[in-house]
Amino acid sequence: MDLISLIIGIVALIILHEFGHFLLARLNHIKVEEFGIGFPPRIRTLFRWKETEFTLNWIPLGGFVRPVGENDPDVPGGLASANPRVRLSVMLAGPLMNLLVAGLLYGVAFSQWGTPDVHKIVIVQVAANSPAAQAGLQVNDLLVRLDDVSVDGIESVIRYVSAHKGEEITISYQRDDQIIGTKLVPRINPPKGEGAIGIAMSNPTQPMSVIQAIPLGFSTLFDQIYQMLTLPVRLAQGLVSAGQIRFVGYKGIYDIYQDVRDADIAQPRNNNFGLLAFFGMLSASLGILNLLPFPALDGGRILFAVSEMIFHRRVPARLENMIHVIGLMLLLLFMVYVNLQDFIHPLELPH
């Protein structure tokens, strides 16, 4: 069932990508002969709408639209014979649809999880035999005051505790509807991996609507785009090691999916946050990778259209098609390599 649900999710993202191409082709009055779910050979024709056949095909992890005259500029009213601005809009539409879906999925995920209340501090872990444990502090207690100083952020707690190591302080905290006070002495030399009083802190979340969460979702998307685009720079600067970077094939995606799904099941309060964020990340990656200026990808076709707009000269269709065919062969070889690596060197996931 995990595998089936993952396949359904990936196919949905691919269909949305292809729907972006389909929509812009139709808006530009370019006929689309086929909208395929999966790759051929064909299983059956699902239905026909106007001049477009919607088909179901045997190879599930893919999809395509086939506009009239896709690669032949001699076909009147076809995609290849359209002006470069039209071709550019049709090619951009698929990746942009994935980026739009990613931002929306991130937004829905945040609405399910809630937004952090940075002015409140909740205890998420108490180390055994620590001053906090001996003073009776527990997970889910809300810190209210340190002596007579109100708590207004994690950094303020760290600063106050650090300034009073070896001194007795009073911690006021809220448990359920009660405010309770307790005394403890922050350790001067705490054990490795523990703080002076032995707690891990976080911010509690507060509910937010989907409308409120959408800007946060798109902010997360823009950050993901920035991280991916600046990855080569950070790699060259030594900020990221080559061992931390790898492409992931279908098995690696499945491993990540299972890990995220297990985490959501173990923590029902997550409200499927992990799965929504996972498919948001997958949709964003699909959009970003398709925009790379490599032959056979949307980005490669966009590059030819932009070049024609700038230089007012078109690369001969036969040469462009040959470049895309070579690019497709290289992509297929690369995909085989990446998927083999998933078995030879399985993905190590943090736990």
Protein backbone atom coordinates (compact mmCIF):
# COMPACT_ATOMS: atom_id res chain seq x y z
CA MET A 1 0.00 0.00 0.00
CA ASP A 2 2.93 2.36 0.71
CA LEU A 3 4.27 1.77 -2.79
CA ILE A 4 0.85 2.21 -4.42
CA SER A 5 0.13 5.45 -2.54
CA LEU A 6 3.57 6.81 -3.45
CA ILE A 7 3.05 5.98 -7.11
CA ILE A 8 -0.36 7.67 -7.04
CA GLY A 9 1.22 10.78 -5.48
CA ILE A 10 4.05 10.95 -8.03
CA VAL A 11 1.67 10.36 -10.94
CA ALA A 12 -0.58 13.16 -9.64
CA LEU A 13 2.37 15.58 -9.60
CA ILE A 14 3.36 14.55 -13.13
CA ILE A 15 -0.23 14.93 -14.39
CA LEU A 16 -0.33 18.44 -12.91
CA HIS A 17 2.98 19.22 -14.64
CA GLU A 18 1.62 18.01 -17.98
CA PHE A 19 -1.66 19.83 -17.37
CA GLY A 20 0.34 23.07 -17.19
CA HIS A 21 1.72 22.38 -20.68
CA PHE A 22 -1.73 21.33 -21.91
CA LEU A 23 -3.46 24.43 -20.54
CA LEU A 24 -1.01 26.90 -22.09
CA ALA A 25 -1.03 25.07 -25.41
CA ARG A 26 -4.82 25.29 -25.55
CA LEU A 27 -4.80 28.94 -24.45
CA ASN A 28 -2.45 29.64 -27.36
CA HIS A 29 -4.81 27.77 -29.75
CA ILE A 30 -2.40 24.88 -30.27
CA LYS A 31 -4.17 21.55 -30.60
CA VAL A 32 -3.07 18.72 -28.33
CA GLU A 33 -3.42 15.27 -29.87
CA GLU A 34 -2.83 13.22 -26.73
CA PHE A 35 -2.63 13.66 -22.96
CA GLY A 36 -0.98 10.50 -21.67
CA ILE A 37 -0.91 9.20 -18.10
CA GLY A 38 2.17 7.01 -17.90
CA PHE A 39 4.43 6.20 -20.85
CA PRO A 40 3.49 3.97 -23.83
CA PRO A 41 2.62 1.28 -24.72
CA ARG A 42 -1.01 2.30 -24.36
CA ILE A 43 -3.45 0.36 -22.18
CA ARG A 44 -6.57 2.15 -23.32
CA THR A 45 -8.09 5.47 -24.29
CA LEU A 46 -9.91 6.85 -21.25
CA PHE A 47 -11.96 9.45 -23.10
CA ARG A 48 -11.75 12.10 -25.82
CA TRP A 49 -12.27 15.82 -25.22
CA LYS A 50 -12.48 17.91 -28.37
CA GLU A 51 -9.43 16.86 -30.42
CA THR A 52 -7.44 15.42 -27.45
CA GLU A 53 -7.27 11.73 -26.53
CA PHE A 54 -6.71 11.10 -22.81
CA THR A 55 -4.89 7.78 -22.52
CA LEU A 56 -3.67 5.39 -19.84
CA ASN A 57 -0.29 3.76 -20.50
CA TRP A 58 1.66 0.86 -19.05
CA ILE A 59 4.74 2.60 -17.59
CA PRO A 60 3.27 4.42 -14.56
CA LEU A 61 5.95 6.89 -13.42
CA GLY A 62 5.56 9.46 -16.15
CA GLY A 63 3.20 11.33 -18.40
CA PHE A 64 3.19 13.46 -21.53
CA VAL A 65 1.22 15.79 -23.76
CA ARG A 66 1.60 15.60 -27.53
CA PRO A 67 0.82 18.92 -29.18
CA VAL A 68 0.31 19.04 -32.92
CA GLY A 69 3.62 19.63 -34.71
CA GLU A 70 5.62 19.39 -31.48
CA ASN A 71 8.97 19.02 -33.26
CA ASP A 72 8.08 19.96 -36.85
CA PRO A 73 7.98 23.68 -37.68
CA ASP A 74 6.44 22.84 -41.07
CA VAL A 75 3.12 21.85 -39.46
CA PRO A 76 0.78 24.89 -39.57
CA GLY A 77 -0.71 25.81 -36.19
CA GLY A 78 1.65 23.40 -34.39
CA LEU A 79 3.86 24.03 -31.39
CA ALA A 80 7.17 24.07 -33.27
CA SER A 81 5.80 26.57 -35.83
CA ALA A 82 4.56 28.97 -33.13
CA ASN A 83 6.53 32.13 -32.30
CA PRO A 84 9.19 31.72 -29.59
CA ARG A 85 7.13 33.57 -26.95
CA VAL A 86 4.33 31.02 -27.33
CA ARG A 87 6.76 28.09 -27.16
CA LEU A 88 8.39 29.67 -24.12
CA SER A 89 5.05 30.02 -22.29
CA VAL A 90 4.05 26.41 -23.06
CA MET A 91 7.41 25.04 -21.86
CA LEU A 92 7.43 27.18 -18.71
CA ALA A 93 3.90 26.20 -17.74
CA GLY A 94 4.73 22.64 -16.62
CA PRO A 95 7.54 23.48 -14.17
CA LEU A 96 5.67 26.55 -12.91
CA MET A 97 2.61 24.40 -12.21
CA ASN A 98 4.79 22.13 -10.05
CA LEU A 99 6.23 25.12 -8.18
CA LEU A 100 2.73 26.48 -7.61
CA VAL A 101 1.55 23.10 -6.28
CA ALA A 102 4.64 22.88 -4.05
CA GLY A 103 3.92 26.27 -2.46
CA LEU A 104 0.28 25.28 -1.86
CA LEU A 105 1.24 21.89 -0.37
CA TYR A 106 3.73 23.55 1.98
CA GLY A 107 1.02 26.03 2.97
CA VAL A 108 -1.50 23.26 3.72
CA ALA A 109 1.19 21.41 5.69
CA PHE A 110 1.87 24.46 7.86
CA SER A 111 -1.86 24.96 8.40
CA GLN A 112 -2.05 21.38 9.68
CA TRP A 113 0.97 21.78 11.93
CA GLY A 114 0.37 25.35 13.08
CA THR A 115 2.76 28.27 13.29
CA PRO A 116 5.43 28.48 16.01
CA ASP A 117 4.72 30.97 18.78
CA VAL A 118 8.25 32.32 19.19
CA HIS A 119 7.40 34.13 22.43
CA LYS A 120 6.47 30.92 24.27
CA ILE A 121 8.80 28.12 25.28
CA VAL A 122 7.76 24.51 25.76
CA ILE A 123 9.98 21.76 27.20
CA VAL A 124 10.33 18.89 24.72
CA GLN A 125 12.92 16.80 26.55
CA VAL A 126 14.18 16.44 30.13
CA ALA A 127 17.50 14.66 30.74
CA ALA A 128 17.49 12.00 33.42
CA ASN A 129 19.06 13.03 36.77
CA SER A 130 19.44 16.62 35.55
CA PRO A 131 18.58 19.66 37.72
CA ALA A 132 15.35 20.02 35.71
CA ALA A 133 14.35 16.40 36.36
CA GLN A 134 15.13 16.69 40.06
CA ALA A 135 13.09 19.90 40.24
CA GLY A 136 10.06 18.14 38.74
CA LEU A 137 10.00 19.73 35.28
CA GLN A 138 8.32 17.60 32.63
CA VAL A 139 7.87 17.47 28.86
CA ASN A 140 5.13 19.87 27.63
CA ASP A 141 5.61 22.28 30.56
CA LEU A 142 5.53 25.93 29.40
CA LEU A 143 8.26 28.15 30.86
CA VAL A 144 6.81 31.40 32.21
CA ARG A 145 9.48 33.16 34.33
CA LEU A 146 13.08 32.77 35.47
CA ASP A 147 13.16 34.41 38.90
CA ASP A 148 11.32 37.68 38.19
CA VAL A 149 12.19 37.82 34.48
CA SER A 150 9.47 36.89 31.99
CA VAL A 151 10.40 34.31 29.36
CA ASP A 152 9.97 35.70 25.83
CA GLY A 153 12.15 33.44 23.68
CA ILE A 154 14.56 30.51 23.65
CA GLU A 155 17.62 32.76 23.47
CA SER A 156 16.50 34.69 26.55
CA VAL A 157 16.29 31.43 28.54
CA ILE A 158 19.75 30.34 27.39
CA ARG A 159 21.29 33.73 28.26
CA TYR A 160 19.69 33.89 31.71
CA VAL A 161 20.60 30.33 32.67
CA SER A 162 24.18 30.77 31.42
CA ALA A 163 24.56 33.95 33.50
CA HIS A 164 23.43 32.13 36.67
CA LYS A 165 25.36 28.86 36.55
CA GLY A 166 26.06 27.59 40.05
CA GLU A 167 23.37 29.88 41.51
CA GLU A 168 19.91 28.89 42.67
CA ILE A 169 17.15 30.23 40.41
CA THR A 170 13.38 29.95 40.54
CA ILE A 171 11.64 28.64 37.44
CA SER A 172 7.92 29.30 37.04
CA TYR A 173 6.14 27.10 34.54
CA GLN A 174 2.62 26.35 33.39
CA ARG A 175 1.28 22.79 33.49
CA ASP A 176 -2.29 22.44 32.29
CA ASP A 177 -3.96 25.52 33.83
CA GLN A 178 -1.64 25.86 36.85
CA ILE A 179 1.40 28.09 37.33
CA ILE A 180 3.99 26.25 39.41
CA GLY A 181 7.31 27.43 40.83
CA THR A 182 10.38 25.32 41.51
CA LYS A 183 14.03 25.95 42.38
CA LEU A 184 17.15 24.50 40.83
CA VAL A 185 20.85 25.24 40.34
CA PRO A 186 22.17 25.30 36.72
CA ARG A 187 25.27 23.14 36.38
CA ILE A 188 28.61 24.81 35.67
CA ASN A 189 29.97 21.76 33.79
CA PRO A 190 26.99 19.80 32.45
CA PRO A 191 27.50 16.39 30.75
CA LYS A 192 28.22 16.43 27.04
CA GLY A 193 25.07 16.91 25.01
CA GLU A 194 23.09 18.42 27.89
CA GLY A 195 22.54 22.02 28.84
CA ALA A 196 23.07 23.60 32.24
CA ILE A 197 19.64 22.56 33.54
CA GLY A 198 19.13 19.55 31.26
CA ILE A 199 16.19 20.46 29.04
CA ALA A 200 15.54 20.76 25.31
CA MET A 201 13.19 23.57 24.31
CA SER A 202 11.00 24.45 21.38
CA ASN A 203 8.19 26.82 20.49
CA PRO A 204 4.61 25.59 20.85
CA THR A 205 2.44 25.93 17.80
CA GLN A 206 -0.77 27.86 17.41
CA PRO A 207 -3.49 27.13 14.82
CA MET A 208 -3.45 28.99 11.53
CA SER A 209 -5.77 28.90 8.54
CA VAL A 210 -4.71 27.75 5.09
CA ILE A 211 -4.97 31.36 3.87
CA GLN A 212 -2.58 32.49 6.62
CA ALA A 213 -0.23 29.58 5.90
CA ILE A 214 0.08 30.07 2.12
CA PRO A 215 2.67 32.93 2.35
CA LEU A 216 4.75 30.76 4.69
CA GLY A 217 4.43 27.89 2.21
CA PHE A 218 5.75 29.99 -0.67
CA SER A 219 8.51 31.40 1.54
CA THR A 220 9.61 27.80 2.17
CA LEU A 221 9.47 27.11 -1.58
CA PHE A 222 11.65 30.14 -2.40
CA ASP A 223 14.15 29.03 0.24
CA GLN A 224 14.28 25.54 -1.34
CA ILE A 225 14.88 27.07 -4.77
CA TYR A 226 17.66 29.26 -3.34
CA GLN A 227 19.30 26.29 -1.59
CA MET A 228 19.27 24.19 -4.78
CA LEU A 229 20.56 26.96 -7.04
CA THR A 230 23.37 27.96 -4.68
CA LEU A 231 24.42 24.38 -3.96
CA PRO A 232 27.35 24.42 -6.46
CA VAL A 233 28.65 27.65 -4.88
CA ARG A 234 28.44 26.26 -1.35
CA LEU A 235 30.12 23.06 -2.55
CA ALA A 236 32.99 25.06 -4.08
CA GLN A 237 33.34 27.09 -0.87
CA GLY A 238 33.54 23.92 1.22
CA LEU A 239 30.37 24.76 3.12
CA VAL A 240 28.85 21.47 1.93
CA SER A 241 30.83 18.27 1.39
CA ALA A 242 30.43 16.13 -1.72
CA GLY A 243 29.40 13.23 0.53
CA GLN A 244 26.32 15.17 1.64
CA ILE A 245 25.04 15.55 -1.92
CA ARG A 246 23.48 12.86 -4.07
CA PHE A 247 20.68 12.41 -6.54
CA VAL A 248 17.95 10.05 -5.43
CA GLY A 249 16.16 7.51 -7.62
CA TYR A 250 12.82 5.81 -7.18
CA LYS A 251 14.02 3.48 -4.42
CA GLY A 252 15.55 6.40 -2.51
CA ILE A 253 12.31 8.36 -2.85
CA TYR A 254 10.39 5.32 -1.56
CA ASP A 255 12.76 5.00 1.43
CA ILE A 256 12.27 8.67 2.33
CA TYR A 257 8.50 8.32 1.87
CA GLN A 258 8.35 5.35 4.24
CA ASP A 259 10.44 7.17 6.83
CA VAL A 260 8.23 10.27 6.68
CA ARG A 261 5.03 8.20 6.75
CA ASP A 262 6.23 6.21 9.78
CA ALA A 263 7.04 9.46 11.59
CA ASP A 264 3.55 10.83 10.90
CA ILE A 265 1.96 7.60 12.15
CA ALA A 266 4.09 7.66 15.31
CA GLN A 267 3.09 11.28 15.97
CA PRO A 268 -0.65 11.65 15.18
CA ARG A 269 -0.50 15.32 16.18
CA ASN A 270 1.59 15.88 13.03
CA ASN A 271 -1.69 15.79 11.03
CA ASN A 272 0.25 14.36 8.05
CA PHE A 273 2.58 17.37 8.07
CA GLY A 274 5.49 15.18 6.96
CA LEU A 275 3.67 13.66 3.99
CA LEU A 276 2.35 17.00 2.78
CA ALA A 277 5.82 18.55 3.07
CA PHE A 278 7.35 15.50 1.34
CA PHE A 279 5.11 15.83 -1.71
CA GLY A 280 5.66 19.60 -1.65
CA MET A 281 9.43 19.00 -1.76
CA LEU A 282 8.97 16.42 -4.54
CA SER A 283 6.82 18.81 -6.61
CA ALA A 284 9.32 21.65 -6.13
CA SER A 285 12.22 19.40 -7.14
CA LEU A 286 10.33 18.28 -10.24
CA GLY A 287 9.73 21.91 -11.21
CA ILE A 288 13.28 23.10 -10.52
CA LEU A 289 15.01 20.17 -12.26
CA ASN A 290 12.81 20.56 -15.35
CA LEU A 291 13.90 24.20 -15.61
CA LEU A 292 17.59 23.25 -15.86
CA PRO A 293 18.89 24.28 -19.31
CA PHE A 294 19.63 20.72 -20.43
CA PRO A 295 18.48 19.25 -23.79
CA ALA A 296 15.24 17.21 -23.64
CA LEU A 297 14.17 18.94 -20.41
CA ASP A 298 11.74 21.84 -20.51
CA GLY A 299 14.66 24.10 -19.59
CA GLY A 300 16.58 22.98 -22.70
CA ARG A 301 13.65 23.83 -24.96
CA ILE A 302 13.22 27.14 -23.11
CA LEU A 303 16.88 27.92 -23.84
CA PHE A 304 16.32 27.52 -27.60
CA ALA A 305 13.21 29.74 -27.47
CA VAL A 306 15.01 32.46 -25.49
CA SER A 307 18.00 32.28 -27.85
CA GLU A 308 15.66 32.86 -30.81
CA MET A 309 14.03 35.82 -29.06
CA ILE A 310 17.42 37.41 -28.37
CA PHE A 311 19.21 36.75 -31.66
CA HIS A 312 16.15 36.67 -33.96
CA ARG A 313 17.48 33.50 -35.54
CA ARG A 314 16.26 29.98 -35.01
CA VAL A 315 18.44 26.92 -34.68
CA PRO A 316 17.51 24.55 -37.55
CA ALA A 317 14.75 22.17 -36.39
CA ARG A 318 16.69 19.04 -37.39
CA LEU A 319 19.71 20.12 -35.32
CA GLU A 320 17.56 21.07 -32.32
CA ASN A 321 15.71 17.76 -32.43
CA MET A 322 19.00 15.86 -32.67
CA ILE A 323 20.34 17.72 -29.62
CA HIS A 324 17.19 16.85 -27.66
CA VAL A 325 17.45 13.17 -28.65
CA ILE A 326 21.07 13.02 -27.49
CA GLY A 327 20.10 14.83 -24.29
CA LEU A 328 17.29 12.34 -23.67
CA MET A 329 19.66 9.39 -24.10
CA LEU A 330 22.11 10.95 -21.64
CA LEU A 331 19.29 11.61 -19.17
CA LEU A 332 18.10 8.00 -19.39
CA LEU A 333 21.64 6.73 -18.77
CA PHE A 334 21.98 9.09 -15.82
CA MET A 335 18.64 7.89 -14.39
CA VAL A 336 19.81 4.27 -14.67
CA TYR A 337 23.02 5.20 -12.82
CA VAL A 338 21.14 7.09 -10.06
CA ASN A 339 18.65 4.26 -9.54
CA LEU A 340 21.44 1.67 -9.38
CA GLN A 341 23.19 3.78 -6.73
CA ASP A 342 20.05 3.54 -4.57
CA PHE A 343 20.66 -0.23 -4.37
CA ILE A 344 24.46 -0.23 -4.32
CA HIS A 345 24.72 2.57 -1.75
CA PRO A 346 21.32 2.77 0.00
CA LEU A 347 20.27 6.13 1.36
CA GLU A 348 21.18 6.62 5.04
CA LEU A 349 18.35 8.48 6.73
CA PRO A 350 18.78 10.26 10.09
CA HIS A 351 16.71 8.89 12.98
